[in-house]
C-alpha atoms as a PDB file:
ATOM      1  CA  MET A   1     140.341-202.722 107.825  1.00  0.00           C
ATOM      2  CA  ALA A   2     140.618-205.326 104.871  1.00  0.00           C
ATOM      3  CA  ASP A   3     141.236-202.345 102.132  1.00  0.00           C
ATOM      4  CA  ALA A   4     144.235-200.812 103.572  1.00  0.00           C
ATOM      5  CA  PRO A   5     146.826-203.069 103.154  1.00  0.00           C
ATOM      6  CA  ARG A   6     146.128-202.582  99.564  1.00  0.00           C
ATOM      7  CA  LEU A   7     147.062-199.188  99.772  1.00  0.00           C
ATOM      8  CA  ALA A   8     149.862-197.785  97.045  1.00  0.00           C
ATOM      9  CA  GLY A   9     150.963-194.869  98.990  1.00  0.00           C
ATOM     10  CA  ALA A  10     150.055-192.676 101.835  1.00  0.00           C
ATOM     11  CA  ALA A  11     146.215-193.078 102.893  1.00  0.00           C
ATOM     12  CA  LEU A  12     143.908-189.778 103.682  1.00  0.00           C
ATOM     13  CA  ALA A  13     141.495-189.756 106.239  1.00  0.00           C
ATOM     14  CA  ALA A  14     139.214-186.556 105.742  1.00  0.00           C
ATOM     15  CA  ALA A  15     137.167-185.204 108.503  1.00  0.00           C
ATOM     16  CA  ALA A  16     134.806-182.909 106.732  1.00  0.00           C
ATOM     17  CA  LEU A  17     134.233-179.104 107.924  1.00  0.00           C
ATOM     18  CA  LEU A  18     131.886-178.016 105.509  1.00  0.00           C
ATOM     19  CA  LEU A  19     131.343-174.036 105.136  1.00  0.00           C
ATOM     20  CA  PHE A  20     129.368-172.808 102.106  1.00  0.00           C
ATOM     21  CA  ALA A  21     128.251-169.349 101.101  1.00  0.00           C
ATOM     22  CA  ALA A  22     124.828-168.266 101.820  1.00  0.00           C
ATOM     23  CA  PRO A  23     122.678-165.214 100.487  1.00  0.00           C
ATOM     24  CA  ALA A  24     122.809-162.369 102.374  1.00  0.00           C
ATOM     25  CA  PHE A  25     119.747-162.790 104.572  1.00  0.00           C
ATOM     26  CA  ALA A  26     120.575-166.561 105.266  1.00  0.00           C
ATOM     27  CA  ASP A  27     122.509-168.392 107.493  1.00  0.00           C
ATOM     28  CA  GLN A  28     125.192-170.344 105.415  1.00  0.00           C
ATOM     29  CA  ALA A  29     124.360-173.922 104.619  1.00  0.00           C
ATOM     30  CA  VAL A  30     126.778-177.022 105.986  1.00  0.00           C
ATOM     31  CA  ALA A  31     127.046-180.569 105.367  1.00  0.00           C
ATOM     32  CA  THR A  32     129.586-183.412 106.548  1.00  0.00           C
ATOM     33  CA  THR A  33     131.327-186.105 104.587  1.00  0.00           C
ATOM     34  CA  ALA A  34     133.691-188.297 104.995  1.00  0.00           C
ATOM     35  CA  THR A  35     135.912-189.265 102.332  1.00  0.00           C
ATOM     36  CA  GLY A  36     139.169-190.991 102.031  1.00  0.00           C
ATOM     37  CA  ALA A  37     142.186-192.576  99.664  1.00  0.00           C
ATOM     38  CA  THR A  38     141.133-195.475  97.430  1.00  0.00           C
ATOM     39  CA  ALA A  39     142.580-198.695  96.663  1.00  0.00           C
ATOM     40  CA  PRO A  40     143.280-199.428  92.847  1.00  0.00           C
ATOM     41  CA  THR A  41     139.506-201.614  93.462  1.00  0.00           C
ATOM     42  CA  ALA A  42     138.215-198.139  94.023  1.00  0.00           C
ATOM     43  CA  LYS A  43     136.939-199.053  97.703  1.00  0.00           C
ATOM     44  CA  PRO A  44     137.104-196.056  99.847  1.00  0.00           C
ATOM     45  CA  LEU A  45     139.430-196.599 103.013  1.00  0.00           C
ATOM     46  CA  PRO A  46     137.165-195.743 106.186  1.00  0.00           C
ATOM     47  CA  LEU A  47     137.930-192.967 108.351  1.00  0.00           C
ATOM     48  CA  PRO A  48     140.958-193.442 110.518  1.00  0.00           C
ATOM     49  CA  VAL A  49     139.602-190.372 112.526  1.00  0.00           C
ATOM     50  CA  PHE A  50     138.021-191.709 115.838  1.00  0.00           C
ATOM     51  CA  GLY A  51     136.643-188.160 116.763  1.00  0.00           C
ATOM     52  CA  ILE A  52     136.948-184.491 116.365  1.00  0.00           C
ATOM     53  CA  THR A  53     136.212-181.450 118.533  1.00  0.00           C
ATOM     54  CA  LEU A  54     135.752-177.932 117.503  1.00  0.00           C
ATOM     55  CA  GLY A  55     136.774-175.618 120.365  1.00  0.00           C
ATOM     56  CA  GLY A  56     135.664-172.166 120.521  1.00  0.00           C
ATOM     57  CA  THR A  57     132.322-172.867 118.749  1.00  0.00           C
ATOM     58  CA  TYR A  58     128.701-172.495 119.636  1.00  0.00           C
ATOM     59  CA  ARG A  59     127.205-175.874 119.797  1.00  0.00           C
ATOM     60  CA  ARG A  60     123.307-176.642 119.113  1.00  0.00           C
ATOM     61  CA  ARG A  61     121.637-179.794 118.772  1.00  0.00           C
ATOM     62  CA  GLY A  62     124.886-181.597 117.627  1.00  0.00           C
ATOM     63  CA  ARG A  63     125.933-178.916 115.227  1.00  0.00           C
ATOM     64  CA  SER A  64     128.797-176.456 115.864  1.00  0.00           C
ATOM     65  CA  TYR A  65     128.561-172.513 114.810  1.00  0.00           C
ATOM     66  CA  VAL A  66     130.916-170.026 114.585  1.00  0.00           C
ATOM     67  CA  LEU A  67     131.238-166.181 113.479  1.00  0.00           C
ATOM     68  CA  PRO A  68     133.066-165.304 110.221  1.00  0.00           C
ATOM     69  CA  HIS A  69     136.983-165.245 110.707  1.00  0.00           C
ATOM     70  CA  GLN A  70     136.919-166.789 113.999  1.00  0.00           C
ATOM     71  CA  ARG A  71     139.390-169.225 115.370  1.00  0.00           C
ATOM     72  CA  VAL A  72     138.468-172.518 115.799  1.00  0.00           C
ATOM     73  CA  GLU A  73     140.629-175.161 117.579  1.00  0.00           C
ATOM     74  CA  VAL A  74     140.672-178.723 115.850  1.00  0.00           C
ATOM     75  CA  ASP A  75     141.299-181.690 118.366  1.00  0.00           C
ATOM     76  CA  GLY A  76     141.136-185.358 117.470  1.00  0.00           C
ATOM     77  CA  SER A  77     142.117-188.932 117.787  1.00  0.00           C
ATOM     78  CA  VAL A  78     143.394-191.819 116.076  1.00  0.00           C
ATOM     79  CA  ALA A  79     141.335-195.278 117.551  1.00  0.00           C
ATOM     80  CA  ALA A  80     145.164-197.250 117.290  1.00  0.00           C
ATOM     81  CA  ASP A  81     147.991-196.506 119.758  1.00  0.00           C
ATOM     82  CA  LEU A  82     150.642-194.638 117.474  1.00  0.00           C
ATOM     83  CA  ASP A  83     152.339-192.775 120.487  1.00  0.00           C
ATOM     84  CA  GLY A  84     155.383-190.696 119.451  1.00  0.00           C
ATOM     85  CA  GLN A  85     154.555-190.972 115.672  1.00  0.00           C
ATOM     86  CA  THR A  86     153.997-188.017 113.470  1.00  0.00           C
ATOM     87  CA  VAL A  87     151.323-187.611 110.926  1.00  0.00           C
ATOM     88  CA  LYS A  88     150.079-184.717 108.842  1.00  0.00           C
ATOM     89  CA  LEU A  89     147.340-182.633 109.624  1.00  0.00           C
ATOM     90  CA  LEU A  90     145.732-180.736 106.801  1.00  0.00           C
ATOM     91  CA  ILE A  91     143.138-177.923 106.233  1.00  0.00           C
ATOM     92  CA  LYS A  92     142.027-177.311 103.077  1.00  0.00           C
ATOM     93  CA  LYS A  93     139.892-174.446 101.202  1.00  0.00           C
ATOM     94  CA  GLY A  94     137.998-174.778  97.843  1.00  0.00           C
ATOM     95  CA  GLY A  95     140.949-177.806  97.331  1.00  0.00           C
ATOM     96  CA  ARG A  96     143.912-175.965  98.434  1.00  0.00           C
ATOM     97  CA  THR A  97     145.854-176.324 101.701  1.00  0.00           C
ATOM     98  CA  ALA A  98     145.325-173.514 103.882  1.00  0.00           C
ATOM     99  CA  LYS A  99     147.446-174.843 106.554  1.00  0.00           C
ATOM    100  CA  SER A 100     149.539-177.879 107.013  1.00  0.00           C
ATOM    101  CA  ASP A 101     151.081-178.945 110.431  1.00  0.00           C
ATOM    102  CA  ASN A 102     153.049-182.118 110.866  1.00  0.00           C
ATOM    103  CA  VAL A 103     151.535-183.235 114.508  1.00  0.00           C
ATOM    104  CA  LYS A 104     152.639-185.393 116.774  1.00  0.00           C
ATOM    105  CA  LEU A 105     150.462-188.193 118.144  1.00  0.00           C
ATOM    106  CA  THR A 106     150.396-188.769 121.976  1.00  0.00           C
ATOM    107  CA  ALA A 107     148.389-192.069 122.839  1.00  0.00           C
ATOM    108  CA  ARG A 108     145.775-192.203 125.592  1.00  0.00           C
ATOM    109  CA  GLY A 109     143.609-194.951 126.557  1.00  0.00           C
ATOM    110  CA  GLY A 110     143.983-196.822 123.494  1.00  0.00           C
ATOM    111  CA  LYS A 111     143.716-193.847 121.497  1.00  0.00           C
ATOM    112  CA  SER A 112     146.326-191.214 119.822  1.00  0.00           C
ATOM    113  CA  THR A 113     145.354-187.728 119.877  1.00  0.00           C
ATOM    114  CA  PHE A 114     146.039-184.525 117.741  1.00  0.00           C
ATOM    115  CA  GLY A 115     145.420-181.086 117.516  1.00  0.00           C
ATOM    116  CA  THR A 116     145.794-177.344 115.649  1.00  0.00           C
ATOM    117  CA  GLN A 117     143.975-174.413 114.930  1.00  0.00           C
ATOM    118  CA  PHE A 118     142.656-172.079 112.434  1.00  0.00           C
ATOM    119  CA  LYS A 119     140.764-169.291 111.608  1.00  0.00           C
ATOM    120  CA  ALA A 120     137.606-169.208 109.787  1.00  0.00           C
ATOM    121  CA  GLY A 121     137.088-167.024 106.473  1.00  0.00           C
ATOM    122  CA  LYS A 122     133.900-165.236 105.723  1.00  0.00           C
ATOM    123  CA  LYS A 123     132.701-168.112 103.601  1.00  0.00           C
ATOM    124  CA  GLY A 124     133.725-171.140 101.523  1.00  0.00           C
ATOM    125  CA  LYS A 125     134.302-174.910 102.228  1.00  0.00           C
ATOM    126  CA  TYR A 126     136.857-176.406 104.853  1.00  0.00           C
ATOM    127  CA  VAL A 127     137.895-179.705 105.343  1.00  0.00           C
ATOM    128  CA  VAL A 128     140.326-181.155 107.571  1.00  0.00           C
ATOM    129  CA  GLU A 129     142.398-184.170 106.477  1.00  0.00           C
ATOM    130  CA  LEU A 130     144.650-186.446 108.655  1.00  0.00           C
ATOM    131  CA  GLU A 131     147.377-187.908 106.433  1.00  0.00           C
ATOM    132  CA  LEU A 132     148.554-191.649 107.351  1.00  0.00           C
ATOM    133  CA  THR A 133     150.953-193.829 106.156  1.00  0.00           C
ATOM    134  CA  PRO A 134     149.846-197.313 104.968  1.00  0.00           C
ATOM    135  CA  GLU A 135     151.048-198.693 108.081  1.00  0.00           C
ATOM    136  CA  GLN A 136     149.169-196.532 110.499  1.00  0.00           C
ATOM    137  CA  ALA A 137     146.173-196.541 108.339  1.00  0.00           C
ATOM    138  CA  ALA A 138     146.028-200.616 108.377  1.00  0.00           C
ATOM    139  CA  ILE A 139     145.443-200.441 112.587  1.00  0.00           C
ATOM    140  CA  ALA A 140     143.632-197.368 112.769  1.00  0.00           C
ATOM    141  CA  GLY A 141     139.793-197.549 113.468  1.00  0.00           C
ATOM    142  CA  ALA A 142     137.037-195.528 111.752  1.00  0.00           C
ATOM    143  CA  GLY A 143     135.200-192.482 112.823  1.00  0.00           C
ATOM    144  CA  SER A 144     133.349-189.593 111.727  1.00  0.00           C
ATOM    145  CA  GLY A 145     133.989-185.757 111.466  1.00  0.00           C
ATOM    146  CA  LYS A 146     131.929-182.550 112.674  1.00  0.00           C
ATOM    147  CA  SER A 147     129.934-180.054 110.806  1.00  0.00           C
ATOM    148  CA  LEU A 148     130.975-176.383 111.391  1.00  0.00           C
ATOM    149  CA  LYS A 149     128.720-173.504 110.472  1.00  0.00           C
ATOM    150  CA  ILE A 150     129.358-169.792 109.577  1.00  0.00           C
ATOM    151  CA  VAL A 151     126.457-167.646 111.186  1.00  0.00           C
ATOM    152  CA  ARG A 152     125.633-164.632 109.659  1.00  0.00           C
ATOM    153  CA  THR A 153     126.228-161.380 110.808  1.00  0.00           C
ATOM    154  CA  ASN A 154     123.567-158.822 109.643  1.00  0.00           C
ATOM    155  CA  ILE A 155     121.053-159.140 112.347  1.00  0.00           C
ATOM    156  CA  HIS A 156     119.136-156.556 113.970  1.00  0.00           C
ATOM    157  CA  GLN A 157     116.299-155.977 116.525  1.00  0.00           C
ATOM    158  CA  GLY A 158     113.722-158.045 115.651  1.00  0.00           C
ATOM    159  CA  SER A 159     115.890-160.795 114.562  1.00  0.00           C
ATOM    160  CA  SER A 160     115.752-164.423 115.706  1.00  0.00           C
ATOM    161  CA  GLY A 161     117.510-167.767 115.299  1.00  0.00           C
ATOM    162  CA  ILE A 162     120.909-169.375 115.669  1.00  0.00           C
ATOM    163  CA  SER A 163     122.469-166.206 114.394  1.00  0.00           C
ATOM    164  CA  VAL A 164     121.643-164.213 117.577  1.00  0.00           C
ATOM    165  CA  SER A 165     122.248-167.072 120.280  1.00  0.00           C
ATOM    166  CA  VAL A 166     125.810-167.162 118.732  1.00  0.00           C
ATOM    167  CA  PHE A 167     126.092-163.373 119.359  1.00  0.00           C
ATOM    168  CA  GLN A 168     124.512-163.577 122.874  1.00  0.00           C
ATOM    169  CA  SER A 169     126.807-166.320 123.425  1.00  0.00           C
ATOM    170  CA  LYS A 170     129.726-164.577 122.916  1.00  0.00           C
ATOM    171  CA  LEU A 171     128.466-161.227 124.768  1.00  0.00           C
ATOM    172  CA  ALA A 172     127.370-163.389 127.698  1.00  0.00           C
ATOM    173  CA  ALA A 173     131.589-164.875 127.689  1.00  0.00           C
ATOM    174  CA  LEU A 174     132.607-161.166 128.103  1.00  0.00           C
ATOM    175  CA  HIS A 175     130.101-160.881 131.187  1.00  0.00           C
ATOM    176  CA  TYR A 176     127.835-158.320 129.353  1.00  0.00           C
ATOM    177  CA  VAL A 177     124.285-158.411 130.711  1.00  0.00           C
ATOM    178  CA  VAL A 178     122.345-160.014 127.863  1.00  0.00           C
ATOM    179  CA  PRO A 179     119.733-162.563 127.428  1.00  0.00           C
ATOM    180  CA  ARG A 180     120.330-166.366 125.872  1.00  0.00           C
ATOM    181  CA  ASN A 181     116.681-166.673 124.501  1.00  0.00           C
ATOM    182  CA  GLY A 182     117.728-166.469 120.426  1.00  0.00           C
ATOM    183  CA  HIS A 183     115.884-163.392 120.026  1.00  0.00           C
ATOM    184  CA  PHE A 184     117.305-159.808 119.278  1.00  0.00           C
ATOM    185  CA  ASP A 185     115.455-157.726 122.035  1.00  0.00           C
ATOM    186  CA  ALA A 186     115.969-154.341 123.589  1.00  0.00           C
ATOM    187  CA  ALA A 187     118.292-156.491 126.097  1.00  0.00           C
ATOM    188  CA  THR A 188     120.264-157.625 123.592  1.00  0.00           C
ATOM    189  CA  GLY A 189     120.599-153.944 121.812  1.00  0.00           C
ATOM    190  CA  ARG A 190     121.557-152.681 125.552  1.00  0.00           C
ATOM    191  CA  ALA A 191     124.490-155.407 125.234  1.00  0.00           C
ATOM    192  CA  PHE A 192     125.760-154.309 122.118  1.00  0.00           C
ATOM    193  CA  LEU A 193     125.782-150.748 122.772  1.00  0.00           C
ATOM    194  CA  ALA A 194     128.148-151.589 126.108  1.00  0.00           C
ATOM    195  CA  PHE A 195     130.168-153.810 123.875  1.00  0.00           C
ATOM    196  CA  ARG A 196     130.782-150.907 121.120  1.00  0.00           C
ATOM    197  CA  LYS A 197     131.628-148.325 124.131  1.00  0.00           C
ATOM    198  CA  VAL A 198     134.195-150.813 125.575  1.00  0.00           C
ATOM    199  CA  THR A 199     135.544-151.357 121.979  1.00  0.00           C
ATOM    200  CA  ASN A 200     135.494-147.575 121.000  1.00  0.00           C
ATOM    201  CA  MET A 201     133.205-148.411 118.267  1.00  0.00           C
ATOM    202  CA  ALA A 202     129.713-146.232 117.111  1.00  0.00           C
ATOM    203  CA  ARG A 203     127.426-146.072 120.218  1.00  0.00           C
ATOM    204  CA  THR A 204     124.533-147.609 118.569  1.00  0.00           C
ATOM    205  CA  MET A 205     122.330-150.907 119.568  1.00  0.00           C
ATOM    206  CA  SER A 206     123.414-152.779 116.615  1.00  0.00           C
ATOM    207  CA  ALA A 207     125.726-156.070 115.297  1.00  0.00           C
ATOM    208  CA  GLY A 208     127.149-156.026 111.923  1.00  0.00           C
ATOM    209  CA  SER A 209     130.319-157.804 110.515  1.00  0.00           C
ATOM    210  CA  LYS A 210     132.837-155.207 112.527  1.00  0.00           C
ATOM    211  CA  VAL A 211     131.365-156.273 115.916  1.00  0.00           C
ATOM    212  CA  ALA A 212     131.719-160.162 114.663  1.00  0.00           C
ATOM    213  CA  SER A 213     135.074-159.370 113.992  1.00  0.00           C
ATOM    214  CA  LYS A 214     135.923-158.220 117.230  1.00  0.00           C
ATOM    215  CA  LEU A 215     133.712-160.587 118.843  1.00  0.00           C
ATOM    216  CA  ALA A 216     135.706-163.898 116.857  1.00  0.00           C
ATOM    217  CA  ALA A 217     138.818-162.183 118.001  1.00  0.00           C
ATOM    218  CA  GLY A 218     138.158-162.166 121.418  1.00  0.00           C
ATOM    219  CA  LYS A 219     138.068-158.202 121.805  1.00  0.00           C
ATOM    220  CA  GLY A 220     135.766-156.555 124.418  1.00  0.00           C
ATOM    221  CA  ALA A 221     136.933-157.616 127.626  1.00  0.00           C
ATOM    222  CA  PHE A 222     136.565-155.168 130.366  1.00  0.00           C
ATOM    223  CA  HIS A 223     139.968-154.682 132.111  1.00  0.00           C
ATOM    224  CA  LEU A 224     139.435-153.784 135.884  1.00  0.00           C
ATOM    225  CA  ARG A 225     141.144-150.809 137.234  1.00  0.00           C
ATOM    226  CA  TYR A 226     141.060-152.211 141.134  1.00  0.00           C
ATOM    227  CA  PRO A 227     141.351-155.993 140.252  1.00  0.00           C
ATOM    228  CA  LYS A 228     142.308-156.097 144.236  1.00  0.00           C
ATOM    229  CA  ALA A 229     139.345-154.284 145.621  1.00  0.00           C
ATOM    230  CA  GLY A 230     137.403-157.407 146.183  1.00  0.00           C
ATOM    231  CA  ARG A 231     133.584-157.131 145.671  1.00  0.00           C
ATOM    232  CA  HIS A 232     133.104-153.871 144.013  1.00  0.00           C
ATOM    233  CA  VAL A 233     131.493-151.754 141.415  1.00  0.00           C
ATOM    234  CA  GLU A 234     133.546-149.731 138.519  1.00  0.00           C
ATOM    235  CA  VAL A 235     132.226-147.090 136.712  1.00  0.00           C
ATOM    236  CA  SER A 236     133.932-145.770 133.568  1.00  0.00           C
ATOM    237  CA  ILE A 237     132.899-142.218 132.775  1.00  0.00           C
ATOM    238  CA  LYS A 238     135.125-142.710 129.448  1.00  0.00           C
ATOM    239  CA  HIS A 239     133.446-145.566 128.070  1.00  0.00           C
ATOM    240  CA  GLN A 240     129.955-144.848 130.003  1.00  0.00           C
ATOM    241  CA  VAL A 241     129.710-148.516 131.467  1.00  0.00           C
ATOM    242  CA  MET A 242     129.456-149.907 134.897  1.00  0.00           C
ATOM    243  CA  VAL A 243     131.111-153.009 135.820  1.00  0.00           C
ATOM    244  CA  PHE A 244     130.287-155.425 138.650  1.00  0.00           C
ATOM    245  CA  ALA A 245     133.762-157.270 140.015  1.00  0.00           C
ATOM    246  CA  ASP A 246     134.501-159.992 142.595  1.00  0.00           C
ATOM    247  CA  ASN A 247     137.924-161.464 143.660  1.00  0.00           C
ATOM    248  CA  GLY A 248     139.750-160.006 140.409  1.00  0.00           C
ATOM    249  CA  ASN A 249     136.943-160.707 137.845  1.00  0.00           C
ATOM    250  CA  VAL A 250     134.238-159.454 135.823  1.00  0.00           C
ATOM    251  CA  VAL A 251     130.836-160.276 136.734  1.00  0.00           C
ATOM    252  CA  ARG A 252     128.505-158.206 134.918  1.00  0.00           C
ATOM    253  CA  ILE A 253     129.053-155.211 132.873  1.00  0.00           C
ATOM    254  CA  TYR A 254     126.035-152.796 132.218  1.00  0.00           C
ATOM    255  CA  HIS A 255     125.603-149.747 129.621  1.00  0.00           C
ATOM    256  CA  VAL A 256     125.159-146.765 131.933  1.00  0.00           C
ATOM    257  CA  SER A 257     124.873-142.460 131.556  1.00  0.00           C
ATOM    258  CA  THR A 258     126.559-140.761 134.262  1.00  0.00           C
ATOM    259  CA  GLY A 259     126.983-136.863 134.644  1.00  0.00           C
ATOM    260  CA  LYS A 260     127.053-134.357 131.765  1.00  0.00           C
ATOM    261  CA  PRO A 261     129.733-131.784 131.257  1.00  0.00           C
ATOM    262  CA  SER A 262     127.790-129.194 133.524  1.00  0.00           C
ATOM    263  CA  THR A 263     126.563-131.744 136.217  1.00  0.00           C
ATOM    264  CA  PRO A 264     129.634-134.317 136.204  1.00  0.00           C
ATOM    265  CA  THR A 265     129.867-137.180 138.362  1.00  0.00           C
ATOM    266  CA  VAL A 266     131.986-137.260 141.417  1.00  0.00           C
ATOM    267  CA  ARG A 267     135.334-139.265 140.987  1.00  0.00           C
ATOM    268  CA  GLY A 268     137.102-141.460 143.521  1.00  0.00           C
ATOM    269  CA  THR A 269     136.627-144.224 145.886  1.00  0.00           C
ATOM    270  CA  PHE A 270     133.295-144.404 147.720  1.00  0.00           C
ATOM    271  CA  TYR A 271     130.913-146.943 149.700  1.00  0.00           C
ATOM    272  CA  VAL A 272     126.871-147.225 149.536  1.00  0.00           C
ATOM    273  CA  TYR A 273     125.736-145.493 152.424  1.00  0.00           C
ATOM    274  CA  SER A 274     121.762-145.812 151.871  1.00  0.00           C
ATOM    275  CA  LYS A 275     119.382-147.396 149.656  1.00  0.00           C
ATOM    276  CA  ASP A 276     116.003-146.596 148.362  1.00  0.00           C
ATOM    277  CA  PRO A 277     113.653-149.499 146.883  1.00  0.00           C
ATOM    278  CA  GLY A 278     111.237-147.323 145.553  1.00  0.00           C
ATOM    279  CA  THR A 279     110.745-144.693 142.589  1.00  0.00           C
ATOM    280  CA  ASN A 280     111.112-140.923 144.074  1.00  0.00           C
ATOM    281  CA  ALA A 281     109.804-137.651 142.740  1.00  0.00           C
ATOM    282  CA  LYS A 282     112.278-137.073 140.249  1.00  0.00           C
ATOM    283  CA  GLY A 283     111.988-140.521 138.587  1.00  0.00           C
ATOM    284  CA  MET A 284     115.031-142.266 140.077  1.00  0.00           C
ATOM    285  CA  VAL A 285     114.452-145.960 140.298  1.00  0.00           C
ATOM    286  CA  MET A 286     116.041-148.552 142.959  1.00  0.00           C
ATOM    287  CA  SER A 287     118.426-146.021 144.163  1.00  0.00           C
ATOM    288  CA  ASN A 288     121.891-146.959 145.808  1.00  0.00           C
ATOM    289  CA  TYR A 289     123.556-143.476 147.320  1.00  0.00           C
ATOM    290  CA  PHE A 290     127.219-143.768 147.309  1.00  0.00           C
ATOM    291  CA  HIS A 291     128.351-139.763 147.912  1.00  0.00           C
ATOM    292  CA  ASN A 292     126.484-136.909 149.013  1.00  0.00           C
ATOM    293  CA  GLY A 293     123.171-137.625 147.092  1.00  0.00           C
ATOM    294  CA  TYR A 294     124.991-139.265 144.066  1.00  0.00           C
ATOM    295  CA  ALA A 295     123.562-142.625 143.492  1.00  0.00           C
ATOM    296  CA  ILE A 296     123.174-145.672 141.097  1.00  0.00           C
ATOM    297  CA  HIS A 297     119.691-145.804 139.862  1.00  0.00           C
ATOM    298  CA  GLY A 298     117.180-146.627 137.121  1.00  0.00           C
ATOM    299  CA  TYR A 299     115.781-143.810 134.772  1.00  0.00           C
ATOM    300  CA  ALA A 300     113.630-143.755 131.962  1.00  0.00           C
ATOM    301  CA  GLU A 301     116.213-142.138 129.357  1.00  0.00           C
ATOM    302  CA  VAL A 302     119.984-143.486 129.362  1.00  0.00           C
ATOM    303  CA  PRO A 303     121.182-142.407 126.372  1.00  0.00           C
ATOM    304  CA  PRO A 304     124.795-143.923 124.957  1.00  0.00           C
ATOM    305  CA  TYR A 305     126.587-140.686 126.469  1.00  0.00           C
ATOM    306  CA  ASN A 306     126.825-138.888 129.539  1.00  0.00           C
ATOM    307  CA  ALA A 307     123.372-136.811 130.501  1.00  0.00           C
ATOM    308  CA  SER A 308     122.689-137.574 133.819  1.00  0.00           C
ATOM    309  CA  HIS A 309     122.870-134.478 136.979  1.00  0.00           C
ATOM    310  CA  GLY A 310     125.468-136.524 138.333  1.00  0.00           C
ATOM    311  CA  CYS A 311     124.301-139.927 139.160  1.00  0.00           C
ATOM    312  CA  VAL A 312     124.869-142.947 137.435  1.00  0.00           C
ATOM    313  CA  ARG A 313     121.902-143.881 135.411  1.00  0.00           C
ATOM    314  CA  VAL A 314     121.099-147.633 134.727  1.00  0.00           C
ATOM    315  CA  PRO A 315     118.122-148.752 132.282  1.00  0.00           C
ATOM    316  CA  ILE A 316     115.267-149.551 134.614  1.00  0.00           C
ATOM    317  CA  PRO A 317     114.888-153.308 133.352  1.00  0.00           C
ATOM    318  CA  ASN A 318     118.356-153.655 134.824  1.00  0.00           C
ATOM    319  CA  ALA A 319     117.754-151.536 138.049  1.00  0.00           C
ATOM    320  CA  ALA A 320     116.311-154.588 140.288  1.00  0.00           C
ATOM    321  CA  SER A 321     118.962-156.893 139.698  1.00  0.00           C
ATOM    322  CA  ILE A 322     121.864-153.758 140.292  1.00  0.00           C
ATOM    323  CA  PHE A 323     120.062-152.879 143.561  1.00  0.00           C
ATOM    324  CA  SER A 324     119.888-156.485 144.532  1.00  0.00           C
ATOM    325  CA  TRP A 325     123.901-157.210 143.985  1.00  0.00           C
ATOM    326  CA  VAL A 326     124.949-153.692 145.352  1.00  0.00           C
ATOM    327  CA  HIS A 327     124.749-153.797 149.329  1.00  0.00           C
ATOM    328  CA  ILE A 328     124.999-151.058 151.910  1.00  0.00           C
ATOM    329  CA  GLY A 329     128.919-150.533 152.601  1.00  0.00           C
ATOM    330  CA  THR A 330     129.908-151.922 148.798  1.00  0.00           C
ATOM    331  CA  ARG A 331     132.579-150.288 147.141  1.00  0.00           C
ATOM    332  CA  VAL A 332     132.311-147.833 144.363  1.00  0.00           C
ATOM    333  CA  ASP A 333     134.962-146.715 141.794  1.00  0.00           C
ATOM    334  CA  VAL A 334     134.562-143.781 139.778  1.00  0.00           C
ATOM    335  CA  TYR A 335     136.747-142.768 137.042  1.00  0.00           C
ATOM    336  CA  TYR A 336     137.548-141.493 134.076  1.00  0.00           C
END
């Protein structure tokens, strides 16, 4: 840190989080740079940021990805014991300060930690700067920043890549049944449909900016009607979804179709009394009977609305895993 004593003012340490706009059908490009305040001799001050962690992001191969408008937690550390001292943490966009925090450093294991959070925009360039005094900079060690990338939202069935992976990760975190393969397949479409049902959106199997906004805001969690019921099944007729729960936690959320108005699904609390692993003459696949012939079963047609003769229809690709999870005696709660 030979250049630090030559500073004639506050030292700036920049850990760059660069988010650039991109064409409508391409992921937005990103790069990471490290810059700092300069002495009169124009020699740059090394970054006094020891490390930065970006919380709430999807990470792959050393890079971090987020949806537009997603909240990002920024945690970092300075390689020096500056316990109790205050520094200014700046989040800049387009050269302007979008957020400024006076953060108090806490020493841990020879380094001092700090943290804040910010909400990413739809596009643009962000830089996180830690403003140090010359005295603080003189004893701080050098480090590097982290890159952050905003992914595109106009994905559709047949799409593949990191954008799809980010969406799948967000859906899986909320316990929607979705693959984690980076491909927008039929199973991913069903997960989007279930999410849209729970969030009262149009019942389609598509993504888009509105879905991204809700996921970025952490919306879409299913709230159990009977959180103290232990290991059980809940069927919401209003939302046309089925939820597996255990010890007060949502385990899985499925898209289903219950009874149409002329043949409604019975409501109440029931228990599975019989299971049929085969396919019967009515096309019911892997049936789990819970009341007088009413069953949870796979079926070829599972529209986004209630259309059955009273049973709870589930997509055939999900029937086997559902059949394995539901046992004789499993509680089933059906409500509007």
